[in-house]
C-alpha cells in the first residue's frame, strides 16, 4: 500500500465525520477496525495522531 494513499484514507477516516458535524460512526465494527489500523500505522511512521 502506498504511504500517501494510506495517510489520506486515515485522515478521512479520522477527521471526516467530525468535519461534517456528525458524531463518530460506532455502528460499523469494520470501519472502526480500519480506523484503529490506520492510527496504528500513522503512529509507527511518526505522523498523524
PDB file of N, CA and C in Angstrom:
ATOM      1  N   UNK A   1       0.847  -1.203   0.000  1.00  0.00           N
ATOM      2  CA  UNK A   1       0.000   0.000   0.000  1.00  0.00           C
ATOM      3  C   UNK A   1       0.877   1.246   0.000  1.00  0.00           C
ATOM      4  N   UNK A   2       0.476   2.235  -0.817  1.00  0.00           N
ATOM      5  CA  UNK A   2       1.257   3.478  -0.867  1.00  0.00           C
ATOM      6  C   UNK A   2       1.052   4.293   0.409  1.00  0.00           C
ATOM      7  N   UNK A   3       2.129   4.882   0.868  1.00  0.00           N
ATOM      8  CA  UNK A   3       2.067   5.636   2.120  1.00  0.00           C
ATOM      9  C   UNK A   3       1.116   6.824   2.001  1.00  0.00           C
ATOM     10  N   UNK A   4       1.241   7.585   0.908  1.00  0.00           N
ATOM     11  CA  UNK A   4       0.384   8.758   0.735  1.00  0.00           C
ATOM     12  C   UNK A   4      -1.099   8.357   0.703  1.00  0.00           C
ATOM     13  N   UNK A   5      -1.388   7.290  -0.033  1.00  0.00           N
ATOM     14  CA  UNK A   5      -2.773   6.830  -0.149  1.00  0.00           C
ATOM     15  C   UNK A   5      -3.310   6.436   1.224  1.00  0.00           C
ATOM     16  N   UNK A   6      -2.495   5.712   1.979  1.00  0.00           N
ATOM     17  CA  UNK A   6      -2.920   5.259   3.302  1.00  0.00           C
ATOM     18  C   UNK A   6      -3.143   6.451   4.223  1.00  0.00           C
ATOM     19  N   UNK A   7      -2.227   7.414   4.168  1.00  0.00           N
ATOM     20  CA  UNK A   7      -2.353   8.579   5.043  1.00  0.00           C
ATOM     21  C   UNK A   7      -3.630   9.346   4.717  1.00  0.00           C
ATOM     22  N   UNK A   8      -3.935   9.491   3.432  1.00  0.00           N
ATOM     23  CA  UNK A   8      -5.153  10.187   3.026  1.00  0.00           C
ATOM     24  C   UNK A   8      -6.389   9.471   3.543  1.00  0.00           C
ATOM     25  N   UNK A   9      -6.404   8.135   3.405  1.00  0.00           N
ATOM     26  CA  UNK A   9      -7.544   7.357   3.879  1.00  0.00           C
ATOM     27  C   UNK A   9      -7.675   7.483   5.392  1.00  0.00           C
ATOM     28  N   UNK A  10      -6.543   7.416   6.076  1.00  0.00           N
ATOM     29  CA  UNK A  10      -6.564   7.501   7.540  1.00  0.00           C
ATOM     30  C   UNK A  10      -7.113   8.850   7.978  1.00  0.00           C
ATOM     31  N   UNK A  11      -6.640   9.913   7.331  1.00  0.00           N
ATOM     32  CA  UNK A  11      -7.094  11.255   7.701  1.00  0.00           C
ATOM     33  C   UNK A  11      -8.598  11.399   7.464  1.00  0.00           C
ATOM     34  N   UNK A  12      -9.073  10.871   6.329  1.00  0.00           N
ATOM     35  CA  UNK A  12     -10.512  10.930   6.046  1.00  0.00           C
ATOM     36  C   UNK A  12     -11.297  10.147   7.087  1.00  0.00           C
ATOM     37  N   UNK A  13     -10.793   8.969   7.420  1.00  0.00           N
ATOM     38  CA  UNK A  13     -11.496   8.117   8.375  1.00  0.00           C
ATOM     39  C   UNK A  13     -11.560   8.768   9.750  1.00  0.00           C
ATOM     40  N   UNK A  14     -10.485   9.477  10.116  1.00  0.00           N
ATOM     41  CA  UNK A  14     -10.412  10.074  11.446  1.00  0.00           C
ATOM     42  C   UNK A  14     -11.134  11.421  11.498  1.00  0.00           C
ATOM     43  N   UNK A  15     -10.898  12.276  10.490  1.00  0.00           N
ATOM     44  CA  UNK A  15     -11.439  13.629  10.533  1.00  0.00           C
ATOM     45  C   UNK A  15     -12.833  13.749   9.911  1.00  0.00           C
ATOM     46  N   UNK A  16     -13.101  12.942   8.914  1.00  0.00           N
ATOM     47  CA  UNK A  16     -14.313  13.073   8.121  1.00  0.00           C
ATOM     48  C   UNK A  16     -15.596  13.343   8.888  1.00  0.00           C
ATOM     49  N   UNK A  17     -16.004  12.406   9.768  1.00  0.00           N
ATOM     50  CA  UNK A  17     -17.280  12.568  10.478  1.00  0.00           C
ATOM     51  C   UNK A  17     -17.340  13.860  11.302  1.00  0.00           C
ATOM     52  N   UNK A  18     -16.256  14.203  11.994  1.00  0.00           N
ATOM     53  CA  UNK A  18     -16.266  15.415  12.814  1.00  0.00           C
ATOM     54  C   UNK A  18     -16.384  16.657  11.941  1.00  0.00           C
ATOM     55  N   UNK A  19     -15.687  16.664  10.789  1.00  0.00           N
ATOM     56  CA  UNK A  19     -15.717  17.843   9.941  1.00  0.00           C
ATOM     57  C   UNK A  19     -17.127  18.070   9.405  1.00  0.00           C
ATOM     58  N   UNK A  20     -17.888  16.983   9.216  1.00  0.00           N
ATOM     59  CA  UNK A  20     -19.257  17.131   8.713  1.00  0.00           C
ATOM     60  C   UNK A  20     -20.236  17.394   9.856  1.00  0.00           C
ATOM     61  N   UNK A  21     -19.715  17.516  11.072  1.00  0.00           N
ATOM     62  CA  UNK A  21     -20.575  17.841  12.201  1.00  0.00           C
ATOM     63  C   UNK A  21     -21.376  16.657  12.710  1.00  0.00           C
ATOM     64  N   UNK A  22     -20.900  15.435  12.410  1.00  0.00           N
ATOM     65  CA  UNK A  22     -21.602  14.250  12.899  1.00  0.00           C
ATOM     66  C   UNK A  22     -20.718  13.509  13.893  1.00  0.00           C
ATOM     67  N   UNK A  23     -21.317  12.813  14.843  1.00  0.00           N
ATOM     68  CA  UNK A  23     -20.514  12.008  15.776  1.00  0.00           C
ATOM     69  C   UNK A  23     -19.833  10.864  15.025  1.00  0.00           C
ATOM     70  N   UNK A  24     -18.794  10.320  15.613  1.00  0.00           N
ATOM     71  CA  UNK A  24     -18.081   9.204  15.001  1.00  0.00           C
ATOM     72  C   UNK A  24     -19.025   8.021  14.781  1.00  0.00           C
ATOM     73  N   UNK A  25     -18.823   7.319  13.676  1.00  0.00           N
ATOM     74  CA  UNK A  25     -19.670   6.173  13.382  1.00  0.00           C
ATOM     75  C   UNK A  25     -19.271   5.003  14.283  1.00  0.00           C
ATOM     76  N   UNK A  26     -20.197   4.577  15.145  1.00  0.00           N
ATOM     77  CA  UNK A  26     -19.887   3.488  16.065  1.00  0.00           C
ATOM     78  C   UNK A  26     -20.556   2.177  15.642  1.00  0.00           C
ATOM     79  N   UNK A  27     -21.504   2.279  14.717  1.00  0.00           N
ATOM     80  CA  UNK A  27     -22.322   1.112  14.400  1.00  0.00           C
ATOM     81  C   UNK A  27     -21.617   0.142  13.453  1.00  0.00           C
ATOM     82  N   UNK A  28     -20.477   0.551  12.900  1.00  0.00           N
ATOM     83  CA  UNK A  28     -19.809  -0.299  11.919  1.00  0.00           C
ATOM     84  C   UNK A  28     -18.465  -0.794  12.448  1.00  0.00           C
ATOM     85  N   UNK A  29     -18.421  -2.037  12.974  1.00  0.00           N
ATOM     86  CA  UNK A  29     -17.186  -2.572  13.556  1.00  0.00           C
ATOM     87  C   UNK A  29     -16.036  -2.615  12.546  1.00  0.00           C
ATOM     88  N   UNK A  30     -16.350  -2.924  11.277  1.00  0.00           N
ATOM     89  CA  UNK A  30     -15.296  -2.984  10.261  1.00  0.00           C
ATOM     90  C   UNK A  30     -14.637  -1.627  10.092  1.00  0.00           C
ATOM     91  N   UNK A  31     -15.456  -0.592  10.035  1.00  0.00           N
ATOM     92  CA  UNK A  31     -14.917   0.751   9.862  1.00  0.00           C
ATOM     93  C   UNK A  31     -14.079   1.140  11.075  1.00  0.00           C
ATOM     94  N   UNK A  32     -14.589   0.822  12.269  1.00  0.00           N
ATOM     95  CA  UNK A  32     -13.858   1.157  13.492  1.00  0.00           C
ATOM     96  C   UNK A  32     -12.499   0.473  13.479  1.00  0.00           C
ATOM     97  N   UNK A  33     -12.483  -0.782  13.028  1.00  0.00           N
ATOM     98  CA  UNK A  33     -11.232  -1.527  12.989  1.00  0.00           C
ATOM     99  C   UNK A  33     -10.243  -0.887  12.023  1.00  0.00           C
ATOM    100  N   UNK A  34     -10.715  -0.476  10.859  1.00  0.00           N
ATOM    101  CA  UNK A  34      -9.811   0.118   9.876  1.00  0.00           C
ATOM    102  C   UNK A  34      -9.282   1.458  10.373  1.00  0.00           C
ATOM    103  N   UNK A  35     -10.095   2.182  11.135  1.00  0.00           N
ATOM    104  CA  UNK A  35      -9.629   3.447  11.707  1.00  0.00           C
ATOM    105  C   UNK A  35      -8.504   3.157  12.699  1.00  0.00           C
ATOM    106  N   UNK A  36      -8.691   2.158  13.532  1.00  0.00           N
ATOM    107  CA  UNK A  36      -7.650   1.816  14.509  1.00  0.00           C
ATOM    108  C   UNK A  36      -6.374   1.391  13.806  1.00  0.00           C
ATOM    109  N   UNK A  37      -6.543   0.594  12.715  1.00  0.00           N
ATOM    110  CA  UNK A  37      -5.369   0.146  11.962  1.00  0.00           C
ATOM    111  C   UNK A  37      -4.632   1.329  11.356  1.00  0.00           C
ATOM    112  N   UNK A  38      -5.397   2.279  10.818  1.00  0.00           N
ATOM    113  CA  UNK A  38      -4.782   3.459  10.197  1.00  0.00           C
ATOM    114  C   UNK A  38      -4.040   4.288  11.242  1.00  0.00           C
ATOM    115  N   UNK A  39      -4.642   4.423  12.430  1.00  0.00           N
ATOM    116  CA  UNK A  39      -3.980   5.161  13.508  1.00  0.00           C
ATOM    117  C   UNK A  39      -2.680   4.477  13.901  1.00  0.00           C
ATOM    118  N   UNK A  40      -2.705   3.140  14.009  1.00  0.00           N
ATOM    119  CA  UNK A  40      -1.503   2.398  14.391  1.00  0.00           C
ATOM    120  C   UNK A  40      -0.397   2.595  13.359  1.00  0.00           C
ATOM    121  N   UNK A  41      -0.772   2.546  12.088  1.00  0.00           N
ATOM    122  CA  UNK A  41       0.212   2.737  11.011  1.00  0.00           C
ATOM    123  C   UNK A  41       0.800   4.145  11.077  1.00  0.00           C
ATOM    124  N   UNK A  42      -0.046   5.134  11.336  1.00  0.00           N
ATOM    125  CA  UNK A  42       0.425   6.519  11.423  1.00  0.00           C
ATOM    126  C   UNK A  42       1.374   6.673  12.609  1.00  0.00           C
ATOM    127  N   UNK A  43       1.051   6.026  13.712  1.00  0.00           N
ATOM    128  CA  UNK A  43       1.897   6.119  14.891  1.00  0.00           C
ATOM    129  C   UNK A  43       3.269   5.496  14.616  1.00  0.00           C
ATOM    130  N   UNK A  44       3.268   4.370  13.894  1.00  0.00           N
ATOM    131  CA  UNK A  44       4.538   3.720  13.564  1.00  0.00           C
ATOM    132  C   UNK A  44       5.412   4.620  12.705  1.00  0.00           C
ATOM    133  N   UNK A  45       4.790   5.370  11.797  1.00  0.00           N
ATOM    134  CA  UNK A  45       5.568   6.257  10.917  1.00  0.00           C
ATOM    135  C   UNK A  45       5.896   7.575  11.604  1.00  0.00           C
ATOM    136  N   UNK A  46       5.244   7.804  12.763  1.00  0.00           N
ATOM    137  CA  UNK A  46       5.513   9.040  13.483  1.00  0.00           C
ATOM    138  C   UNK A  46       4.751  10.223  12.925  1.00  0.00           C
ATOM    139  N   UNK A  47       3.682   9.961  12.182  1.00  0.00           N
ATOM    140  CA  UNK A  47       2.856  11.053  11.648  1.00  0.00           C
ATOM    141  C   UNK A  47       1.433  10.869  12.142  1.00  0.00           C
ATOM    142  N   UNK A  48       0.621  11.904  11.993  1.00  0.00           N
ATOM    143  CA  UNK A  48      -0.760  11.804  12.424  1.00  0.00           C
ATOM    144  C   UNK A  48      -0.841  11.800  13.936  1.00  0.00           C
ATOM    145  N   UNK A  49      -1.901  11.181  14.478  1.00  0.00           N
ATOM    146  CA  UNK A  49      -2.024  11.200  15.934  1.00  0.00           C
ATOM    147  C   UNK A  49      -1.419   9.935  16.530  1.00  0.00           C
TER     148      UNK A  49
END
